[in-house]
C-alpha atoms as a PDB file:
ATOM      1  CA  MET A   1     -33.494-100.728  57.249  1.00  0.00           C
ATOM      2  CA  LYS A   2     -32.230 -97.883  55.034  1.00  0.00           C
ATOM      3  CA  LYS A   3     -33.782 -99.585  51.998  1.00  0.00           C
ATOM      4  CA  LEU A   4     -37.145 -99.801  53.749  1.00  0.00           C
ATOM      5  CA  ILE A   5     -37.045 -96.107  54.681  1.00  0.00           C
ATOM      6  CA  GLY A   6     -36.024 -95.184  51.115  1.00  0.00           C
ATOM      7  CA  ILE A   7     -38.792 -97.251  49.512  1.00  0.00           C
ATOM      8  CA  THR A   8     -41.379 -95.916  51.963  1.00  0.00           C
ATOM      9  CA  SER A   9     -40.263 -92.342  51.256  1.00  0.00           C
ATOM     10  CA  ILE A  10     -40.524 -92.858  47.497  1.00  0.00           C
ATOM     11  CA  LEU A  11     -44.006 -94.364  47.821  1.00  0.00           C
ATOM     12  CA  LEU A  12     -45.108 -91.517  50.075  1.00  0.00           C
ATOM     13  CA  VAL A  13     -43.835 -88.865  47.642  1.00  0.00           C
ATOM     14  CA  ALA A  14     -45.515 -90.677  44.725  1.00  0.00           C
ATOM     15  CA  ALA A  15     -48.818 -90.811  46.628  1.00  0.00           C
ATOM     16  CA  VAL A  16     -48.648 -87.083  47.410  1.00  0.00           C
ATOM     17  CA  VAL A  17     -47.888 -86.242  43.761  1.00  0.00           C
ATOM     18  CA  ILE A  18     -50.793 -88.384  42.534  1.00  0.00           C
ATOM     19  CA  LEU A  19     -53.233 -86.875  45.021  1.00  0.00           C
ATOM     20  CA  ALA A  20     -52.110 -83.354  44.112  1.00  0.00           C
ATOM     21  CA  THR A  21     -52.289 -83.746  40.329  1.00  0.00           C
ATOM     22  CA  VAL A  22     -55.160 -86.147  39.571  1.00  0.00           C
ATOM     23  CA  ASP A  23     -58.599 -84.557  39.270  1.00  0.00           C
ATOM     24  CA  PHE A  24     -60.869 -87.236  40.690  1.00  0.00           C
ATOM     25  CA  ASN A  25     -63.943 -85.303  39.480  1.00  0.00           C
ATOM     26  CA  ARG A  26     -62.988 -86.298  35.920  1.00  0.00           C
ATOM     27  CA  LEU A  27     -61.728 -89.814  36.524  1.00  0.00           C
ATOM     28  CA  GLY A  28     -63.994 -92.483  35.012  1.00  0.00           C
ATOM     29  CA  LYS A  29     -66.771 -90.085  34.029  1.00  0.00           C
ATOM     30  CA  GLU A  30     -68.812 -90.014  30.827  1.00  0.00           C
ATOM     31  CA  ASN A  31     -68.257 -87.054  28.497  1.00  0.00           C
ATOM     32  CA  VAL A  32     -71.091 -85.010  26.998  1.00  0.00           C
ATOM     33  CA  TYR A  33     -70.909 -81.816  24.943  1.00  0.00           C
ATOM     34  CA  VAL A  34     -72.908 -78.575  25.134  1.00  0.00           C
ATOM     35  CA  GLN A  35     -72.967 -75.147  23.556  1.00  0.00           C
ATOM     36  CA  VAL A  36     -73.185 -72.442  26.215  1.00  0.00           C
ATOM     37  CA  GLY A  37     -76.207 -70.172  26.173  1.00  0.00           C
ATOM     38  CA  ASP A  38     -77.467 -67.652  28.688  1.00  0.00           C
ATOM     39  CA  PRO A  39     -77.505 -68.732  32.342  1.00  0.00           C
ATOM     40  CA  SER A  40     -80.898 -70.097  33.393  1.00  0.00           C
ATOM     41  CA  TYR A  41     -80.626 -68.313  36.733  1.00  0.00           C
ATOM     42  CA  THR A  42     -78.115 -66.945  39.235  1.00  0.00           C
ATOM     43  CA  ASP A  43     -77.697 -67.704  42.919  1.00  0.00           C
ATOM     44  CA  GLU A  44     -76.054 -65.260  45.321  1.00  0.00           C
ATOM     45  CA  ASP A  45     -74.590 -66.282  48.681  1.00  0.00           C
ATOM     46  CA  ARG A  46     -73.198 -63.884  51.257  1.00  0.00           C
ATOM     47  CA  LEU A  47     -70.047 -65.080  53.010  1.00  0.00           C
ATOM     48  CA  ASP A  48     -69.291 -64.359  56.673  1.00  0.00           C
ATOM     49  CA  SER A  49     -66.846 -61.694  55.473  1.00  0.00           C
ATOM     50  CA  GLY A  50     -69.722 -59.896  53.715  1.00  0.00           C
ATOM     51  CA  GLU A  51     -68.483 -60.795  50.231  1.00  0.00           C
ATOM     52  CA  ILE A  52     -71.174 -61.899  47.793  1.00  0.00           C
ATOM     53  CA  MET A  53     -70.475 -65.035  45.743  1.00  0.00           C
ATOM     54  CA  THR A  54     -72.510 -65.433  42.562  1.00  0.00           C
ATOM     55  CA  SER A  55     -73.117 -68.821  40.964  1.00  0.00           C
ATOM     56  CA  TYR A  56     -74.370 -68.968  37.379  1.00  0.00           C
ATOM     57  CA  TRP A  57     -76.617 -71.978  36.738  1.00  0.00           C
ATOM     58  CA  TYR A  58     -77.082 -73.474  33.282  1.00  0.00           C
ATOM     59  CA  GLU A  59     -79.776 -75.939  32.193  1.00  0.00           C
ATOM     60  CA  LEU A  60     -78.908 -77.160  28.703  1.00  0.00           C
ATOM     61  CA  PRO A  61     -79.310 -80.144  26.402  1.00  0.00           C
ATOM     62  CA  ALA A  62     -76.030 -82.044  26.120  1.00  0.00           C
ATOM     63  CA  TYR A  63     -75.020 -84.698  23.619  1.00  0.00           C
ATOM     64  CA  ARG A  64     -73.035 -87.883  24.077  1.00  0.00           C
ATOM     65  CA  GLU A  65     -70.369 -88.998  21.611  1.00  0.00           C
ATOM     66  CA  ASN A  66     -73.013 -91.078  19.795  1.00  0.00           C
ATOM     67  CA  GLY A  67     -75.365 -88.076  19.472  1.00  0.00           C
ATOM     68  CA  SER A  68     -77.936 -89.107  22.088  1.00  0.00           C
ATOM     69  CA  ALA A  69     -79.260 -86.266  24.223  1.00  0.00           C
ATOM     70  CA  VAL A  70     -79.275 -85.756  27.977  1.00  0.00           C
ATOM     71  CA  LYS A  71     -80.491 -82.701  29.905  1.00  0.00           C
ATOM     72  CA  VAL A  72     -77.866 -81.359  32.311  1.00  0.00           C
ATOM     73  CA  GLU A  73     -77.751 -78.695  34.992  1.00  0.00           C
ATOM     74  CA  PHE A  74     -74.459 -77.270  36.226  1.00  0.00           C
ATOM     75  CA  SER A  75     -73.042 -74.142  37.794  1.00  0.00           C
ATOM     76  CA  ALA A  76     -70.033 -71.921  37.219  1.00  0.00           C
ATOM     77  CA  GLN A  77     -68.442 -69.277  39.431  1.00  0.00           C
ATOM     78  CA  LYS A  78     -68.310 -66.852  36.504  1.00  0.00           C
ATOM     79  CA  GLU A  79     -70.571 -66.298  33.514  1.00  0.00           C
ATOM     80  CA  LEU A  80     -69.367 -68.582  30.745  1.00  0.00           C
ATOM     81  CA  ARG A  81     -68.483 -67.319  27.281  1.00  0.00           C
ATOM     82  CA  GLN A  82     -71.579 -67.201  25.074  1.00  0.00           C
ATOM     83  CA  ASP A  83     -71.673 -69.897  22.334  1.00  0.00           C
ATOM     84  CA  ALA A  84     -68.556 -71.659  23.683  1.00  0.00           C
ATOM     85  CA  TYR A  85     -68.430 -75.455  23.466  1.00  0.00           C
ATOM     86  CA  LEU A  86     -67.925 -77.390  26.685  1.00  0.00           C
ATOM     87  CA  LYS A  87     -66.922 -80.956  27.366  1.00  0.00           C
ATOM     88  CA  LEU A  88     -68.794 -81.927  30.533  1.00  0.00           C
ATOM     89  CA  TYR A  89     -67.772 -84.776  32.813  1.00  0.00           C
ATOM     90  CA  VAL A  90     -70.927 -86.451  34.131  1.00  0.00           C
ATOM     91  CA  LYS A  91     -71.719 -89.339  36.427  1.00  0.00           C
ATOM     92  CA  GLU A  92     -74.957 -91.225  36.989  1.00  0.00           C
ATOM     93  CA  GLY A  93     -76.670 -89.901  33.893  1.00  0.00           C
ATOM     94  CA  ASN A  94     -76.606 -86.119  34.237  1.00  0.00           C
ATOM     95  CA  GLU A  95     -74.682 -85.054  37.374  1.00  0.00           C
ATOM     96  CA  VAL A  96     -71.930 -82.723  36.131  1.00  0.00           C
ATOM     97  CA  THR A  97     -68.695 -82.986  38.124  1.00  0.00           C
ATOM     98  CA  SER A  98     -66.392 -80.825  35.964  1.00  0.00           C
ATOM     99  CA  TYR A  99     -66.079 -79.189  32.546  1.00  0.00           C
ATOM    100  CA  ASP A 100     -63.531 -77.941  30.005  1.00  0.00           C
ATOM    101  CA  GLU A 101     -63.960 -75.505  27.135  1.00  0.00           C
ATOM    102  CA  VAL A 102     -63.164 -77.238  23.832  1.00  0.00           C
ATOM    103  CA  SER A 103     -62.930 -76.187  20.199  1.00  0.00           C
ATOM    104  CA  TRP A 104     -65.517 -77.211  17.611  1.00  0.00           C
ATOM    105  CA  GLU A 105     -63.026 -79.692  16.127  1.00  0.00           C
ATOM    106  CA  GLU A 106     -62.788 -81.515  19.474  1.00  0.00           C
ATOM    107  CA  VAL A 107     -66.546 -82.172  19.582  1.00  0.00           C
ATOM    108  CA  PRO A 108     -67.373 -85.666  18.210  1.00  0.00           C
ATOM    109  CA  GLU A 109     -69.101 -85.700  14.828  1.00  0.00           C
ATOM    110  CA  ALA A 110     -72.421 -87.124  16.073  1.00  0.00           C
ATOM    111  CA  ALA A 111     -72.598 -84.460  18.791  1.00  0.00           C
ATOM    112  CA  GLN A 112     -71.690 -81.765  16.226  1.00  0.00           C
ATOM    113  CA  GLU A 113     -74.675 -82.766  14.092  1.00  0.00           C
ATOM    114  CA  GLU A 114     -77.024 -82.354  17.061  1.00  0.00           C
ATOM    115  CA  LEU A 115     -75.486 -79.057  18.178  1.00  0.00           C
ATOM    116  CA  GLU A 116     -75.893 -77.576  14.668  1.00  0.00           C
ATOM    117  CA  GLN A 117     -79.674 -78.032  14.770  1.00  0.00           C
END
């Protein structure tokens, strides 16, 4: 009985750790790369507390690792750094679920060629 409780406790702790640390928005998604420009538009929402939340929306061409293009639209809670390179996590063609800022060296060569144009 003590073994069963111990094993169950270990499995429960492992499940909690996995759920707390794994970002499911990035799991199994395709990566595309963009260079940040100006936001296409902003969207302001007023919370019940009266605070105004601003979302910055970007509509940009993105490039897959093989250099093929896809048009993406995504939002950020702050204005992104101009000319920064982002690695976007997309599902179903162009639905962005998450992003990371990356250095130029981390952008695949075929995508670099397209971004330089």
